[in-house]
C-alpha atoms as a PDB file:
ATOM      1  CA  UNK A   1      20.309  11.442  16.772  1.00  0.00           C
ATOM      2  CA  UNK A   2      21.283   9.105  13.997  1.00  0.00           C
ATOM      3  CA  UNK A   3      18.568   8.987  11.521  1.00  0.00           C
ATOM      4  CA  UNK A   4      18.842   5.073  11.233  1.00  0.00           C
ATOM      5  CA  UNK A   5      18.129   4.777  14.988  1.00  0.00           C
ATOM      6  CA  UNK A   6      15.064   6.858  15.050  1.00  0.00           C
ATOM      7  CA  UNK A   7      12.079   4.262  16.295  1.00  0.00           C
ATOM      8  CA  UNK A   8       9.405   6.274  14.388  1.00  0.00           C
ATOM      9  CA  UNK A   9      11.151   5.564  11.122  1.00  0.00           C
ATOM     10  CA  UNK A  10      12.354   2.026  12.005  1.00  0.00           C
ATOM     11  CA  UNK A  11       8.778   0.914  12.973  1.00  0.00           C
ATOM     12  CA  UNK A  12       7.096   2.479   9.803  1.00  0.00           C
ATOM     13  CA  UNK A  13       9.469   1.107   7.324  1.00  0.00           C
ATOM     14  CA  UNK A  14       9.015  -2.398   8.899  1.00  0.00           C
ATOM     15  CA  UNK A  15       5.109  -2.069   9.171  1.00  0.00           C
ATOM     16  CA  UNK A  16       4.920  -0.605   5.521  1.00  0.00           C
ATOM     17  CA  UNK A  17       6.712  -3.447   4.264  1.00  0.00           C
ATOM     18  CA  UNK A  18       4.607  -5.878   6.257  1.00  0.00           C
ATOM     19  CA  UNK A  19       1.597  -4.261   5.065  1.00  0.00           C
ATOM     20  CA  UNK A  20       3.086  -4.604   1.302  1.00  0.00           C
ATOM     21  CA  UNK A  21       4.070  -8.254   1.613  1.00  0.00           C
ATOM     22  CA  UNK A  22       0.336  -9.131   3.227  1.00  0.00           C
ATOM     23  CA  UNK A  23      -1.270  -7.401   0.498  1.00  0.00           C
ATOM     24  CA  UNK A  24       0.608  -9.799  -2.175  1.00  0.00           C
ATOM     25  CA  UNK A  25       0.374 -12.855  -0.177  1.00  0.00           C
ATOM     26  CA  UNK A  26      -3.389 -12.293   0.096  1.00  0.00           C
ATOM     27  CA  UNK A  27      -3.766 -11.733  -3.673  1.00  0.00           C
ATOM     28  CA  UNK A  28      -2.005 -14.864  -4.363  1.00  0.00           C
ATOM     29  CA  UNK A  29      -3.656 -16.942  -1.621  1.00  0.00           C
ATOM     30  CA  UNK A  30      -7.461 -15.724  -2.813  1.00  0.00           C
ATOM     31  CA  UNK A  31      -6.405 -15.475  -6.449  1.00  0.00           C
ATOM     32  CA  UNK A  32      -7.614 -18.807  -7.825  1.00  0.00           C
ATOM     33  CA  UNK A  33     -11.134 -18.370  -5.968  1.00  0.00           C
ATOM     34  CA  UNK A  34     -11.569 -14.887  -7.361  1.00  0.00           C
ATOM     35  CA  UNK A  35     -14.415 -14.466  -9.937  1.00  0.00           C
ATOM     36  CA  UNK A  36     -13.443 -13.180 -13.358  1.00  0.00           C
ATOM     37  CA  UNK A  37     -14.496  -9.781 -12.667  1.00  0.00           C
ATOM     38  CA  UNK A  38     -14.361  -7.705  -9.564  1.00  0.00           C
ATOM     39  CA  UNK A  39     -15.162  -3.994  -8.324  1.00  0.00           C
ATOM     40  CA  UNK A  40     -12.266  -1.963  -8.255  1.00  0.00           C
ATOM     41  CA  UNK A  41     -13.087   1.345 -10.056  1.00  0.00           C
ATOM     42  CA  UNK A  42     -15.470   2.814  -7.410  1.00  0.00           C
ATOM     43  CA  UNK A  43     -15.167   6.244  -8.540  1.00  0.00           C
ATOM     44  CA  UNK A  44     -16.634   5.244 -12.122  1.00  0.00           C
ATOM     45  CA  UNK A  45     -20.571   5.249 -12.619  1.00  0.00           C
ATOM     46  CA  UNK A  46     -22.584   1.757 -11.317  1.00  0.00           C
ATOM     47  CA  UNK A  47     -22.410  -1.007 -13.395  1.00  0.00           C
ATOM     48  CA  UNK A  48     -19.725  -2.491 -15.910  1.00  0.00           C
ATOM     49  CA  UNK A  49     -17.576   0.282 -15.531  1.00  0.00           C
ATOM     50  CA  UNK A  50     -16.540  -0.573 -11.941  1.00  0.00           C
ATOM     51  CA  UNK A  51     -15.549  -4.089 -12.759  1.00  0.00           C
ATOM     52  CA  UNK A  52     -11.668  -5.064 -13.504  1.00  0.00           C
ATOM     53  CA  UNK A  53      -9.689  -8.080 -13.994  1.00  0.00           C
ATOM     54  CA  UNK A  54      -8.383  -9.660 -10.549  1.00  0.00           C
ATOM     55  CA  UNK A  55      -4.796  -9.129 -11.891  1.00  0.00           C
ATOM     56  CA  UNK A  56      -5.558  -5.104 -11.563  1.00  0.00           C
ATOM     57  CA  UNK A  57      -5.665  -5.863  -7.862  1.00  0.00           C
ATOM     58  CA  UNK A  58      -1.702  -5.924  -7.873  1.00  0.00           C
ATOM     59  CA  UNK A  59      -2.020  -2.294  -8.474  1.00  0.00           C
ATOM     60  CA  UNK A  60      -2.711  -1.787  -4.783  1.00  0.00           C
ATOM     61  CA  UNK A  61       0.772  -3.049  -3.242  1.00  0.00           C
ATOM     62  CA  UNK A  62       2.670  -1.883  -6.298  1.00  0.00           C
ATOM     63  CA  UNK A  63       1.084   1.523  -5.499  1.00  0.00           C
ATOM     64  CA  UNK A  64       2.195   1.315  -1.896  1.00  0.00           C
ATOM     65  CA  UNK A  65       5.661  -0.063  -2.909  1.00  0.00           C
ATOM     66  CA  UNK A  66       6.397   2.825  -5.428  1.00  0.00           C
ATOM     67  CA  UNK A  67       5.239   5.613  -2.716  1.00  0.00           C
ATOM     68  CA  UNK A  68       7.462   3.871  -0.399  1.00  0.00           C
ATOM     69  CA  UNK A  69      10.448   4.362  -2.401  1.00  0.00           C
ATOM     70  CA  UNK A  70       9.725   7.714  -3.459  1.00  0.00           C
ATOM     71  CA  UNK A  71       8.918   8.790   0.131  1.00  0.00           C
ATOM     72  CA  UNK A  72      12.379   7.201   1.129  1.00  0.00           C
ATOM     73  CA  UNK A  73      14.225   9.174  -1.492  1.00  0.00           C
ATOM     74  CA  UNK A  74      12.643  12.166  -0.302  1.00  0.00           C
ATOM     75  CA  UNK A  75      13.366  11.781   2.891  1.00  0.00           C
ATOM     76  CA  UNK A  76      17.135  10.760   2.247  1.00  0.00           C
ATOM     77  CA  UNK A  77      17.663  13.558  -0.049  1.00  0.00           C
ATOM     78  CA  UNK A  78      15.402  16.627   0.510  1.00  0.00           C
ATOM     79  CA  UNK A  79      14.682  16.378   4.453  1.00  0.00           C
ATOM     80  CA  UNK A  80      17.527  14.506   6.091  1.00  0.00           C
ATOM     81  CA  UNK A  81      18.262  17.742   8.467  1.00  0.00           C
ATOM     82  CA  UNK A  82      14.791  18.093   9.445  1.00  0.00           C
ATOM     83  CA  UNK A  83      13.554  14.831  11.185  1.00  0.00           C
ATOM     84  CA  UNK A  84      10.094  15.672  11.734  1.00  0.00           C
ATOM     85  CA  UNK A  85       9.539  15.739   7.775  1.00  0.00           C
ATOM     86  CA  UNK A  86      11.517  12.588   7.391  1.00  0.00           C
ATOM     87  CA  UNK A  87       9.050  10.938  10.153  1.00  0.00           C
ATOM     88  CA  UNK A  88       5.977  12.498   8.280  1.00  0.00           C
ATOM     89  CA  UNK A  89       7.003  10.881   5.115  1.00  0.00           C
ATOM     90  CA  UNK A  90       7.513   7.899   6.910  1.00  0.00           C
ATOM     91  CA  UNK A  91       4.071   7.814   8.694  1.00  0.00           C
ATOM     92  CA  UNK A  92       2.531   8.750   5.251  1.00  0.00           C
ATOM     93  CA  UNK A  93       4.126   5.586   3.750  1.00  0.00           C
ATOM     94  CA  UNK A  94       2.403   3.821   6.552  1.00  0.00           C
ATOM     95  CA  UNK A  95      -0.753   4.982   6.199  1.00  0.00           C
ATOM     96  CA  UNK A  96      -0.852   4.266   2.477  1.00  0.00           C
ATOM     97  CA  UNK A  97       0.195   0.972   3.177  1.00  0.00           C
ATOM     98  CA  UNK A  98      -2.085   0.250   5.505  1.00  0.00           C
ATOM     99  CA  UNK A  99      -5.032   1.543   3.760  1.00  0.00           C
ATOM    100  CA  UNK A 100      -3.917  -0.268   0.565  1.00  0.00           C
ATOM    101  CA  UNK A 101      -4.241  -3.552   2.567  1.00  0.00           C
ATOM    102  CA  UNK A 102      -7.513  -2.883   3.944  1.00  0.00           C
ATOM    103  CA  UNK A 103      -8.949  -1.965   0.411  1.00  0.00           C
ATOM    104  CA  UNK A 104      -7.420  -5.374  -1.060  1.00  0.00           C
ATOM    105  CA  UNK A 105      -8.898  -7.424   1.690  1.00  0.00           C
ATOM    106  CA  UNK A 106     -12.411  -5.549   1.533  1.00  0.00           C
ATOM    107  CA  UNK A 107     -12.701  -6.227  -2.278  1.00  0.00           C
ATOM    108  CA  UNK A 108     -11.526  -9.830  -1.801  1.00  0.00           C
ATOM    109  CA  UNK A 109     -13.609 -10.702   0.844  1.00  0.00           C
ATOM    110  CA  UNK A 110     -16.639  -8.861  -0.762  1.00  0.00           C
ATOM    111  CA  UNK A 111     -16.792 -10.934  -3.737  1.00  0.00           C
ATOM    112  CA  UNK A 112     -15.924 -14.318  -1.864  1.00  0.00           C
END
């Protein structure tokens, strides 16, 4: 089977890209209404340390995009003979993109 014709790879690639685009569009759509500081660093102690400027939200879609590129290169060059690993890379990319979109949506709609 040709790797470009695999439905798992095709679907996860399209959905990952759609989630990244939706994240960017959501940020640009709601950016004018966002407060000057919003909660982003949830691993830090409660208080001012958790707050960040709204531009830091761009890290979520950019991080998803970087992971998508890294996984695509790894799938193309490292695991091209083993389809299951290529599919795992694609599904991992999709999971990261979905979680990034959900995180951004929760943060944005929490403060609005």
